[in-house]
Amino acid sequence: MARLVVEARGTAAEGPIVQGVAADFFIDAKIVGAGGSQVEIAMTGGGQRGDYAVRIVPVTYQSTQYTWAVGRYLLFLAVTRGADQGQTVCSVFVH
């Protein structure tokens, strides 16, 4: 098993951009803004050198699409590729 190096950076009003070498992503919001919801990965796009853009959005639950609430979000991001794995924490502030 090898360790995958993962770096997460947010972009203004576009959501986090993730860089790493992986094919499978898992996201979990450990802390959300007041009134905020859990998040999910809506789309990923890969680059040639293992760079990925990951679009993270609030979840849809029982036909309700939640929106970003003002506040700090602490997101746990994990990636895997076969037996290889890596993880990082990303802090996002929505205002």
PDB file of N, CA and C in Angstrom:
ATOM      1  N   MET A   1       0.847  -1.169   0.000  1.00  0.00           N
ATOM      2  CA  MET A   1       0.000   0.000   0.000  1.00  0.00           C
ATOM      3  C   MET A   1       0.893   1.233   0.000  1.00  0.00           C
ATOM      4  N   ALA A   2       0.563   2.184  -0.835  1.00  0.00           N
ATOM      5  CA  ALA A   2       1.291   3.450  -0.901  1.00  0.00           C
ATOM      6  C   ALA A   2       0.408   4.577  -0.394  1.00  0.00           C
ATOM      7  N   ARG A   3       1.047   5.604   0.104  1.00  0.00           N
ATOM      8  CA  ARG A   3       0.315   6.787   0.569  1.00  0.00           C
ATOM      9  C   ARG A   3       0.125   7.732  -0.608  1.00  0.00           C
ATOM     10  N   LEU A   4      -1.073   8.222  -0.769  1.00  0.00           N
ATOM     11  CA  LEU A   4      -1.354   9.226  -1.784  1.00  0.00           C
ATOM     12  C   LEU A   4      -1.275  10.593  -1.127  1.00  0.00           C
ATOM     13  N   VAL A   5      -0.612  11.537  -1.771  1.00  0.00           N
ATOM     14  CA  VAL A   5      -0.493  12.889  -1.244  1.00  0.00           C
ATOM     15  C   VAL A   5      -1.666  13.704  -1.777  1.00  0.00           C
ATOM     16  N   VAL A   6      -2.437  14.300  -0.861  1.00  0.00           N
ATOM     17  CA  VAL A   6      -3.638  15.044  -1.230  1.00  0.00           C
ATOM     18  C   VAL A   6      -3.520  16.456  -0.684  1.00  0.00           C
ATOM     19  N   GLU A   7      -3.787  17.432  -1.524  1.00  0.00           N
ATOM     20  CA  GLU A   7      -3.795  18.837  -1.119  1.00  0.00           C
ATOM     21  C   GLU A   7      -5.114  19.428  -1.567  1.00  0.00           C
ATOM     22  N   ALA A   8      -5.801  20.120  -0.671  1.00  0.00           N
ATOM     23  CA  ALA A   8      -7.091  20.725  -1.015  1.00  0.00           C
ATOM     24  C   ALA A   8      -6.984  22.236  -0.928  1.00  0.00           C
ATOM     25  N   ARG A   9      -7.510  22.917  -1.949  1.00  0.00           N
ATOM     26  CA  ARG A   9      -7.554  24.378  -1.966  1.00  0.00           C
ATOM     27  C   ARG A   9      -8.922  24.810  -2.433  1.00  0.00           C
ATOM     28  N   GLY A  10      -9.492  25.798  -1.774  1.00  0.00           N
ATOM     29  CA  GLY A  10     -10.788  26.323  -2.177  1.00  0.00           C
ATOM     30  C   GLY A  10     -10.634  27.461  -3.161  1.00  0.00           C
ATOM     31  N   THR A  11     -11.628  27.636  -4.004  1.00  0.00           N
ATOM     32  CA  THR A  11     -11.653  28.771  -4.918  1.00  0.00           C
ATOM     33  C   THR A  11     -12.915  29.577  -4.634  1.00  0.00           C
ATOM     34  N   ALA A  12     -12.852  30.873  -4.794  1.00  0.00           N
ATOM     35  CA  ALA A  12     -13.965  31.769  -4.461  1.00  0.00           C
ATOM     36  C   ALA A  12     -15.237  31.369  -5.194  1.00  0.00           C
ATOM     37  N   ALA A  13     -16.254  31.023  -4.418  1.00  0.00           N
ATOM     38  CA  ALA A  13     -17.596  30.724  -4.906  1.00  0.00           C
ATOM     39  C   ALA A  13     -17.657  29.551  -5.871  1.00  0.00           C
ATOM     40  N   GLU A  14     -16.595  28.802  -6.002  1.00  0.00           N
ATOM     41  CA  GLU A  14     -16.604  27.661  -6.908  1.00  0.00           C
ATOM     42  C   GLU A  14     -16.466  26.338  -6.169  1.00  0.00           C
ATOM     43  N   GLY A  15     -16.105  26.361  -4.890  1.00  0.00           N
ATOM     44  CA  GLY A  15     -15.912  25.125  -4.138  1.00  0.00           C
ATOM     45  C   GLY A  15     -14.455  24.709  -4.157  1.00  0.00           C
ATOM     46  N   PRO A  16     -14.124  23.674  -3.408  1.00  0.00           N
ATOM     47  CA  PRO A  16     -12.729  23.242  -3.311  1.00  0.00           C
ATOM     48  C   PRO A  16     -12.186  22.681  -4.608  1.00  0.00           C
ATOM     49  N   ILE A  17     -10.893  22.876  -4.831  1.00  0.00           N
ATOM     50  CA  ILE A  17     -10.147  22.240  -5.909  1.00  0.00           C
ATOM     51  C   ILE A  17      -9.200  21.266  -5.235  1.00  0.00           C
ATOM     52  N   VAL A  18      -9.160  20.058  -5.694  1.00  0.00           N
ATOM     53  CA  VAL A  18      -8.368  19.024  -5.043  1.00  0.00           C
ATOM     54  C   VAL A  18      -7.269  18.571  -5.985  1.00  0.00           C
ATOM     55  N   GLN A  19      -6.066  18.416  -5.454  1.00  0.00           N
ATOM     56  CA  GLN A  19      -4.962  17.875  -6.232  1.00  0.00           C
ATOM     57  C   GLN A  19      -4.502  16.591  -5.570  1.00  0.00           C
ATOM     58  N   GLY A  20      -4.304  15.559  -6.362  1.00  0.00           N
ATOM     59  CA  GLY A  20      -3.839  14.296  -5.831  1.00  0.00           C
ATOM     60  C   GLY A  20      -3.761  13.292  -6.946  1.00  0.00           C
ATOM     61  N   VAL A  21      -3.410  12.085  -6.625  1.00  0.00           N
ATOM     62  CA  VAL A  21      -3.354  11.014  -7.607  1.00  0.00           C
ATOM     63  C   VAL A  21      -4.339   9.969  -7.127  1.00  0.00           C
ATOM     64  N   ALA A  22      -5.559   9.994  -7.632  1.00  0.00           N
ATOM     65  CA  ALA A  22      -6.579   9.061  -7.166  1.00  0.00           C
ATOM     66  C   ALA A  22      -7.743   9.014  -8.127  1.00  0.00           C
ATOM     67  N   ALA A  23      -8.508   7.965  -8.048  1.00  0.00           N
ATOM     68  CA  ALA A  23      -9.684   7.837  -8.890  1.00  0.00           C
ATOM     69  C   ALA A  23     -10.978   7.883  -8.101  1.00  0.00           C
ATOM     70  N   ASP A  24     -10.938   7.508  -6.852  1.00  0.00           N
ATOM     71  CA  ASP A  24     -12.151   7.447  -6.041  1.00  0.00           C
ATOM     72  C   ASP A  24     -12.067   8.440  -4.886  1.00  0.00           C
ATOM     73  N   PHE A  25     -13.113   9.233  -4.706  1.00  0.00           N
ATOM     74  CA  PHE A  25     -13.132  10.278  -3.690  1.00  0.00           C
ATOM     75  C   PHE A  25     -14.246  10.031  -2.681  1.00  0.00           C
ATOM     76  N   PHE A  26     -14.013  10.411  -1.435  1.00  0.00           N
ATOM     77  CA  PHE A  26     -15.015  10.375  -0.373  1.00  0.00           C
ATOM     78  C   PHE A  26     -14.952  11.704   0.352  1.00  0.00           C
ATOM     79  N   ILE A  27     -16.094  12.349   0.589  1.00  0.00           N
ATOM     80  CA  ILE A  27     -16.128  13.635   1.288  1.00  0.00           C
ATOM     81  C   ILE A  27     -17.100  13.536   2.461  1.00  0.00           C
ATOM     82  N   ASP A  28     -16.733  14.159   3.570  1.00  0.00           N
ATOM     83  CA  ASP A  28     -17.593  14.174   4.752  1.00  0.00           C
ATOM     84  C   ASP A  28     -17.406  15.523   5.434  1.00  0.00           C
ATOM     85  N   ALA A  29     -18.504  16.212   5.680  1.00  0.00           N
ATOM     86  CA  ALA A  29     -18.450  17.498   6.385  1.00  0.00           C
ATOM     87  C   ALA A  29     -18.503  17.216   7.882  1.00  0.00           C
ATOM     88  N   LYS A  30     -17.410  17.442   8.572  1.00  0.00           N
ATOM     89  CA  LYS A  30     -17.347  17.212  10.015  1.00  0.00           C
ATOM     90  C   LYS A  30     -17.981  18.365  10.784  1.00  0.00           C
ATOM     91  N   ILE A  31     -17.814  19.588  10.280  1.00  0.00           N
ATOM     92  CA  ILE A  31     -18.427  20.781  10.868  1.00  0.00           C
ATOM     93  C   ILE A  31     -19.041  21.569   9.719  1.00  0.00           C
ATOM     94  N   VAL A  32     -20.277  22.049   9.906  1.00  0.00           N
ATOM     95  CA  VAL A  32     -20.930  22.859   8.868  1.00  0.00           C
ATOM     96  C   VAL A  32     -21.381  24.177   9.473  1.00  0.00           C
ATOM     97  N   GLY A  33     -21.594  25.175   8.622  1.00  0.00           N
ATOM     98  CA  GLY A  33     -22.108  26.459   9.076  1.00  0.00           C
ATOM     99  C   GLY A  33     -23.487  26.283   9.704  1.00  0.00           C
ATOM    100  N   ALA A  34     -23.877  27.190  10.579  1.00  0.00           N
ATOM    101  CA  ALA A  34     -25.181  27.102  11.253  1.00  0.00           C
ATOM    102  C   ALA A  34     -26.300  26.957  10.229  1.00  0.00           C
ATOM    103  N   GLY A  35     -27.079  25.914  10.345  1.00  0.00           N
ATOM    104  CA  GLY A  35     -28.155  25.658   9.394  1.00  0.00           C
ATOM    105  C   GLY A  35     -27.688  24.982   8.126  1.00  0.00           C
ATOM    106  N   GLY A  36     -26.397  24.666   8.052  1.00  0.00           N
ATOM    107  CA  GLY A  36     -25.841  24.018   6.861  1.00  0.00           C
ATOM    108  C   GLY A  36     -26.134  22.532   6.841  1.00  0.00           C
ATOM    109  N   SER A  37     -25.768  21.883   5.755  1.00  0.00           N
ATOM    110  CA  SER A  37     -26.058  20.464   5.594  1.00  0.00           C
ATOM    111  C   SER A  37     -24.789  19.702   5.245  1.00  0.00           C
ATOM    112  N   GLN A  38     -24.907  18.400   5.223  1.00  0.00           N
ATOM    113  CA  GLN A  38     -23.837  17.537   4.747  1.00  0.00           C
ATOM    114  C   GLN A  38     -23.581  17.857   3.274  1.00  0.00           C
ATOM    115  N   VAL A  39     -22.432  17.474   2.753  1.00  0.00           N
ATOM    116  CA  VAL A  39     -22.086  17.755   1.363  1.00  0.00           C
ATOM    117  C   VAL A  39     -21.823  16.455   0.621  1.00  0.00           C
ATOM    118  N   GLU A  40     -21.797  16.559  -0.698  1.00  0.00           N
ATOM    119  CA  GLU A  40     -21.494  15.408  -1.535  1.00  0.00           C
ATOM    120  C   GLU A  40     -20.698  15.869  -2.751  1.00  0.00           C
ATOM    121  N   ILE A  41     -20.065  14.921  -3.397  1.00  0.00           N
ATOM    122  CA  ILE A  41     -19.304  15.218  -4.606  1.00  0.00           C
ATOM    123  C   ILE A  41     -20.241  15.118  -5.797  1.00  0.00           C
ATOM    124  N   ALA A  42     -20.360  16.218  -6.540  1.00  0.00           N
ATOM    125  CA  ALA A  42     -21.267  16.261  -7.681  1.00  0.00           C
ATOM    126  C   ALA A  42     -20.560  15.881  -8.975  1.00  0.00           C
ATOM    127  N   MET A  43     -19.259  16.132  -9.053  1.00  0.00           N
ATOM    128  CA  MET A  43     -18.549  15.899 -10.301  1.00  0.00           C
ATOM    129  C   MET A  43     -17.055  15.905 -10.032  1.00  0.00           C
ATOM    130  N   THR A  44     -16.316  15.093 -10.743  1.00  0.00           N
ATOM    131  CA  THR A  44     -14.863  15.148 -10.702  1.00  0.00           C
ATOM    132  C   THR A  44     -14.342  15.219 -12.122  1.00  0.00           C
ATOM    133  N   GLY A  45     -13.202  15.829 -12.271  1.00  0.00           N
ATOM    134  CA  GLY A  45     -12.539  15.897 -13.565  1.00  0.00           C
ATOM    135  C   GLY A  45     -11.058  15.706 -13.365  1.00  0.00           C
ATOM    136  N   GLY A  46     -10.452  14.857 -14.147  1.00  0.00           N
ATOM    137  CA  GLY A  46      -9.040  14.538 -13.959  1.00  0.00           C
ATOM    138  C   GLY A  46      -8.140  15.236 -14.944  1.00  0.00           C
ATOM    139  N   GLY A  47      -6.930  15.498 -14.491  1.00  0.00           N
ATOM    140  CA  GLY A  47      -5.904  16.081 -15.335  1.00  0.00           C
ATOM    141  C   GLY A  47      -4.899  15.023 -15.751  1.00  0.00           C
ATOM    142  N   GLN A  48      -3.901  15.426 -16.472  1.00  0.00           N
ATOM    143  CA  GLN A  48      -2.916  14.475 -16.969  1.00  0.00           C
ATOM    144  C   GLN A  48      -1.901  14.049 -15.906  1.00  0.00           C
ATOM    145  N   ARG A  49      -1.659  14.873 -14.900  1.00  0.00           N
ATOM    146  CA  ARG A  49      -0.642  14.562 -13.897  1.00  0.00           C
ATOM    147  C   ARG A  49      -1.255  14.180 -12.555  1.00  0.00           C
ATOM    148  N   GLY A  50      -2.506  13.750 -12.557  1.00  0.00           N
ATOM    149  CA  GLY A  50      -3.140  13.367 -11.313  1.00  0.00           C
ATOM    150  C   GLY A  50      -3.802  14.518 -10.592  1.00  0.00           C
ATOM    151  N   ASP A  51      -4.029  15.637 -11.285  1.00  0.00           N
ATOM    152  CA  ASP A  51      -4.758  16.753 -10.695  1.00  0.00           C
ATOM    153  C   ASP A  51      -6.246  16.535 -10.959  1.00  0.00           C
ATOM    154  N   TYR A  52      -7.043  16.759  -9.941  1.00  0.00           N
ATOM    155  CA  TYR A  52      -8.479  16.579 -10.079  1.00  0.00           C
ATOM    156  C   TYR A  52      -9.204  17.814  -9.599  1.00  0.00           C
ATOM    157  N   ALA A  53     -10.247  18.191 -10.308  1.00  0.00           N
ATOM    158  CA  ALA A  53     -11.160  19.223  -9.838  1.00  0.00           C
ATOM    159  C   ALA A  53     -12.383  18.490  -9.315  1.00  0.00           C
ATOM    160  N   VAL A  54     -12.750  18.791  -8.085  1.00  0.00           N
ATOM    161  CA  VAL A  54     -13.881  18.121  -7.443  1.00  0.00           C
ATOM    162  C   VAL A  54     -14.914  19.173  -7.094  1.00  0.00           C
ATOM    163  N   ARG A  55     -16.123  19.019  -7.621  1.00  0.00           N
ATOM    164  CA  ARG A  55     -17.212  19.948  -7.310  1.00  0.00           C
ATOM    165  C   ARG A  55     -17.976  19.392  -6.119  1.00  0.00           C
ATOM    166  N   ILE A  56     -17.997  20.154  -5.035  1.00  0.00           N
ATOM    167  CA  ILE A  56     -18.645  19.731  -3.798  1.00  0.00           C
ATOM    168  C   ILE A  56     -19.873  20.601  -3.592  1.00  0.00           C
ATOM    169  N   VAL A  57     -21.014  19.957  -3.362  1.00  0.00           N
ATOM    170  CA  VAL A  57     -22.287  20.663  -3.213  1.00  0.00           C
ATOM    171  C   VAL A  57     -23.018  20.166  -1.975  1.00  0.00           C
ATOM    172  N   PRO A  58     -23.925  20.977  -1.424  1.00  0.00           N
ATOM    173  CA  PRO A  58     -24.783  20.486  -0.335  1.00  0.00           C
ATOM    174  C   PRO A  58     -25.654  19.334  -0.843  1.00  0.00           C
ATOM    175  N   VAL A  59     -26.007  18.433   0.033  1.00  0.00           N
ATOM    176  CA  VAL A  59     -26.762  17.242  -0.363  1.00  0.00           C
ATOM    177  C   VAL A  59     -28.206  17.561  -0.735  1.00  0.00           C
ATOM    178  N   THR A  60     -28.786  16.629  -1.459  1.00  0.00           N
ATOM    179  CA  THR A  60     -30.225  16.609  -1.702  1.00  0.00           C
ATOM    180  C   THR A  60     -30.775  15.490  -0.835  1.00  0.00           C
ATOM    181  N   TYR A  61     -31.778  15.802  -0.026  1.00  0.00           N
ATOM    182  CA  TYR A  61     -32.353  14.804   0.864  1.00  0.00           C
ATOM    183  C   TYR A  61     -33.866  14.886   0.790  1.00  0.00           C
ATOM    184  N   GLN A  62     -34.516  13.769   0.509  1.00  0.00           N
ATOM    185  CA  GLN A  62     -35.965  13.672   0.378  1.00  0.00           C
ATOM    186  C   GLN A  62     -36.514  14.786  -0.516  1.00  0.00           C
ATOM    187  N   SER A  63     -35.934  14.895  -1.699  1.00  0.00           N
ATOM    188  CA  SER A  63     -36.324  15.848  -2.739  1.00  0.00           C
ATOM    189  C   SER A  63     -36.062  17.310  -2.387  1.00  0.00           C
ATOM    190  N   THR A  64     -35.325  17.580  -1.310  1.00  0.00           N
ATOM    191  CA  THR A  64     -34.964  18.950  -0.947  1.00  0.00           C
ATOM    192  C   THR A  64     -33.497  19.176  -1.266  1.00  0.00           C
ATOM    193  N   GLN A  65     -33.196  20.159  -2.125  1.00  0.00           N
ATOM    194  CA  GLN A  65     -31.812  20.519  -2.428  1.00  0.00           C
ATOM    195  C   GLN A  65     -31.374  21.590  -1.438  1.00  0.00           C
ATOM    196  N   TYR A  66     -30.447  21.238  -0.570  1.00  0.00           N
ATOM    197  CA  TYR A  66     -29.963  22.185   0.414  1.00  0.00           C
ATOM    198  C   TYR A  66     -28.983  23.157  -0.233  1.00  0.00           C
ATOM    199  N   THR A  67     -28.778  24.315   0.375  1.00  0.00           N
ATOM    200  CA  THR A  67     -27.865  25.325  -0.144  1.00  0.00           C
ATOM    201  C   THR A  67     -26.769  25.580   0.880  1.00  0.00           C
ATOM    202  N   TRP A  68     -25.726  26.261   0.461  1.00  0.00           N
ATOM    203  CA  TRP A  68     -24.649  26.627   1.364  1.00  0.00           C
ATOM    204  C   TRP A  68     -25.170  27.628   2.384  1.00  0.00           C
ATOM    205  N   ALA A  69     -24.888  27.402   3.637  1.00  0.00           N
ATOM    206  CA  ALA A  69     -25.227  28.342   4.701  1.00  0.00           C
ATOM    207  C   ALA A  69     -23.963  29.119   5.047  1.00  0.00           C
ATOM    208  N   VAL A  70     -24.130  30.348   5.482  1.00  0.00           N
ATOM    209  CA  VAL A  70     -22.983  31.169   5.874  1.00  0.00           C
ATOM    210  C   VAL A  70     -22.294  30.513   7.065  1.00  0.00           C
ATOM    211  N   GLY A  71     -20.982  30.453   7.007  1.00  0.00           N
ATOM    212  CA  GLY A  71     -20.224  29.902   8.130  1.00  0.00           C
ATOM    213  C   GLY A  71     -19.037  29.077   7.673  1.00  0.00           C
ATOM    214  N   ARG A  72     -18.392  28.460   8.626  1.00  0.00           N
ATOM    215  CA  ARG A  72     -17.189  27.651   8.397  1.00  0.00           C
ATOM    216  C   ARG A  72     -17.578  26.190   8.223  1.00  0.00           C
ATOM    217  N   TYR A  73     -17.002  25.554   7.220  1.00  0.00           N
ATOM    218  CA  TYR A  73     -17.174  24.127   6.963  1.00  0.00           C
ATOM    219  C   TYR A  73     -15.822  23.457   7.111  1.00  0.00           C
ATOM    220  N   LEU A  74     -15.780  22.360   7.803  1.00  0.00           N
ATOM    221  CA  LEU A  74     -14.568  21.562   7.938  1.00  0.00           C
ATOM    222  C   LEU A  74     -14.845  20.244   7.231  1.00  0.00           C
ATOM    223  N   LEU A  75     -14.158  20.031   6.110  1.00  0.00           N
ATOM    224  CA  LEU A  75     -14.426  18.874   5.253  1.00  0.00           C
ATOM    225  C   LEU A  75     -13.281  17.879   5.332  1.00  0.00           C
ATOM    226  N   PHE A  76     -13.610  16.618   5.443  1.00  0.00           N
ATOM    227  CA  PHE A  76     -12.650  15.520   5.409  1.00  0.00           C
ATOM    228  C   PHE A  76     -12.720  14.925   4.015  1.00  0.00           C
ATOM    229  N   LEU A  77     -11.602  14.880   3.302  1.00  0.00           N
ATOM    230  CA  LEU A  77     -11.556  14.351   1.946  1.00  0.00           C
ATOM    231  C   LEU A  77     -10.594  13.175   1.907  1.00  0.00           C
ATOM    232  N   ALA A  78     -11.073  12.041   1.430  1.00  0.00           N
ATOM    233  CA  ALA A  78     -10.240  10.852   1.287  1.00  0.00           C
ATOM    234  C   ALA A  78     -10.267  10.404  -0.163  1.00  0.00           C
ATOM    235  N   VAL A  79      -9.137   9.860  -0.615  1.00  0.00           N
ATOM    236  CA  VAL A  79      -9.039   9.346  -1.975  1.00  0.00           C
ATOM    237  C   VAL A  79      -8.398   7.966  -1.927  1.00  0.00           C
ATOM    238  N   THR A  80      -8.807   7.117  -2.873  1.00  0.00           N
ATOM    239  CA  THR A  80      -8.221   5.786  -2.975  1.00  0.00           C
ATOM    240  C   THR A  80      -7.957   5.459  -4.432  1.00  0.00           C
ATOM    241  N   ARG A  81      -6.978   4.610  -4.643  1.00  0.00           N
ATOM    242  CA  ARG A  81      -6.691   4.044  -5.965  1.00  0.00           C
ATOM    243  C   ARG A  81      -6.147   2.648  -5.711  1.00  0.00           C
ATOM    244  N   GLY A  82      -6.991   1.653  -5.896  1.00  0.00           N
ATOM    245  CA  GLY A  82      -6.608   0.292  -5.543  1.00  0.00           C
ATOM    246  C   GLY A  82      -6.386   0.204  -4.037  1.00  0.00           C
ATOM    247  N   ALA A  83      -5.209  -0.266  -3.625  1.00  0.00           N
ATOM    248  CA  ALA A  83      -4.883  -0.366  -2.197  1.00  0.00           C
ATOM    249  C   ALA A  83      -4.275   0.931  -1.667  1.00  0.00           C
ATOM    250  N   ASP A  84      -3.982   1.886  -2.545  1.00  0.00           N
ATOM    251  CA  ASP A  84      -3.360   3.153  -2.132  1.00  0.00           C
ATOM    252  C   ASP A  84      -4.434   4.093  -1.598  1.00  0.00           C
ATOM    253  N   GLN A  85      -4.067   4.893  -0.593  1.00  0.00           N
ATOM    254  CA  GLN A  85      -5.037   5.819  -0.036  1.00  0.00           C
ATOM    255  C   GLN A  85      -4.370   7.067   0.528  1.00  0.00           C
ATOM    256  N   GLY A  86      -5.143   8.131   0.624  1.00  0.00           N
ATOM    257  CA  GLY A  86      -4.673   9.390   1.195  1.00  0.00           C
ATOM    258  C   GLY A  86      -5.858  10.190   1.688  1.00  0.00           C
ATOM    259  N   GLN A  87      -5.571  11.191   2.506  1.00  0.00           N
ATOM    260  CA  GLN A  87      -6.653  12.012   3.054  1.00  0.00           C
ATOM    261  C   GLN A  87      -6.129  13.381   3.434  1.00  0.00           C
ATOM    262  N   THR A  88      -7.050  14.321   3.540  1.00  0.00           N
ATOM    263  CA  THR A  88      -6.721  15.666   3.985  1.00  0.00           C
ATOM    264  C   THR A  88      -7.960  16.311   4.592  1.00  0.00           C
ATOM    265  N   VAL A  89      -7.755  17.419   5.256  1.00  0.00           N
ATOM    266  CA  VAL A  89      -8.841  18.202   5.819  1.00  0.00           C
ATOM    267  C   VAL A  89      -8.843  19.555   5.115  1.00  0.00           C
ATOM    268  N   CYS A  90     -10.006  20.043   4.752  1.00  0.00           N
ATOM    269  CA  CYS A  90     -10.128  21.322   4.056  1.00  0.00           C
ATOM    270  C   CYS A  90     -11.107  22.195   4.824  1.00  0.00           C
ATOM    271  N   SER A  91     -10.703  23.395   5.149  1.00  0.00           N
ATOM    272  CA  SER A  91     -11.565  24.350   5.826  1.00  0.00           C
ATOM    273  C   SER A  91     -12.056  25.355   4.788  1.00  0.00           C
ATOM    274  N   VAL A  92     -13.373  25.527   4.722  1.00  0.00           N
ATOM    275  CA  VAL A  92     -13.984  26.437   3.761  1.00  0.00           C
ATOM    276  C   VAL A  92     -14.877  27.416   4.523  1.00  0.00           C
ATOM    277  N   PHE A  93     -14.753  28.701   4.225  1.00  0.00           N
ATOM    278  CA  PHE A  93     -15.626  29.688   4.817  1.00  0.00           C
ATOM    279  C   PHE A  93     -16.563  30.237   3.757  1.00  0.00           C
ATOM    280  N   VAL A  94     -17.855  30.125   3.999  1.00  0.00           N
ATOM    281  CA  VAL A  94     -18.874  30.620   3.067  1.00  0.00           C
ATOM    282  C   VAL A  94     -19.424  31.928   3.636  1.00  0.00           C
ATOM    283  N   HIS A  95     -19.395  32.980   2.815  1.00  0.00           N
ATOM    284  CA  HIS A  95     -19.925  34.270   3.281  1.00  0.00           C
ATOM    285  C   HIS A  95     -20.734  34.940   2.196  1.00  0.00           C
TER     286      HIS A  95
END
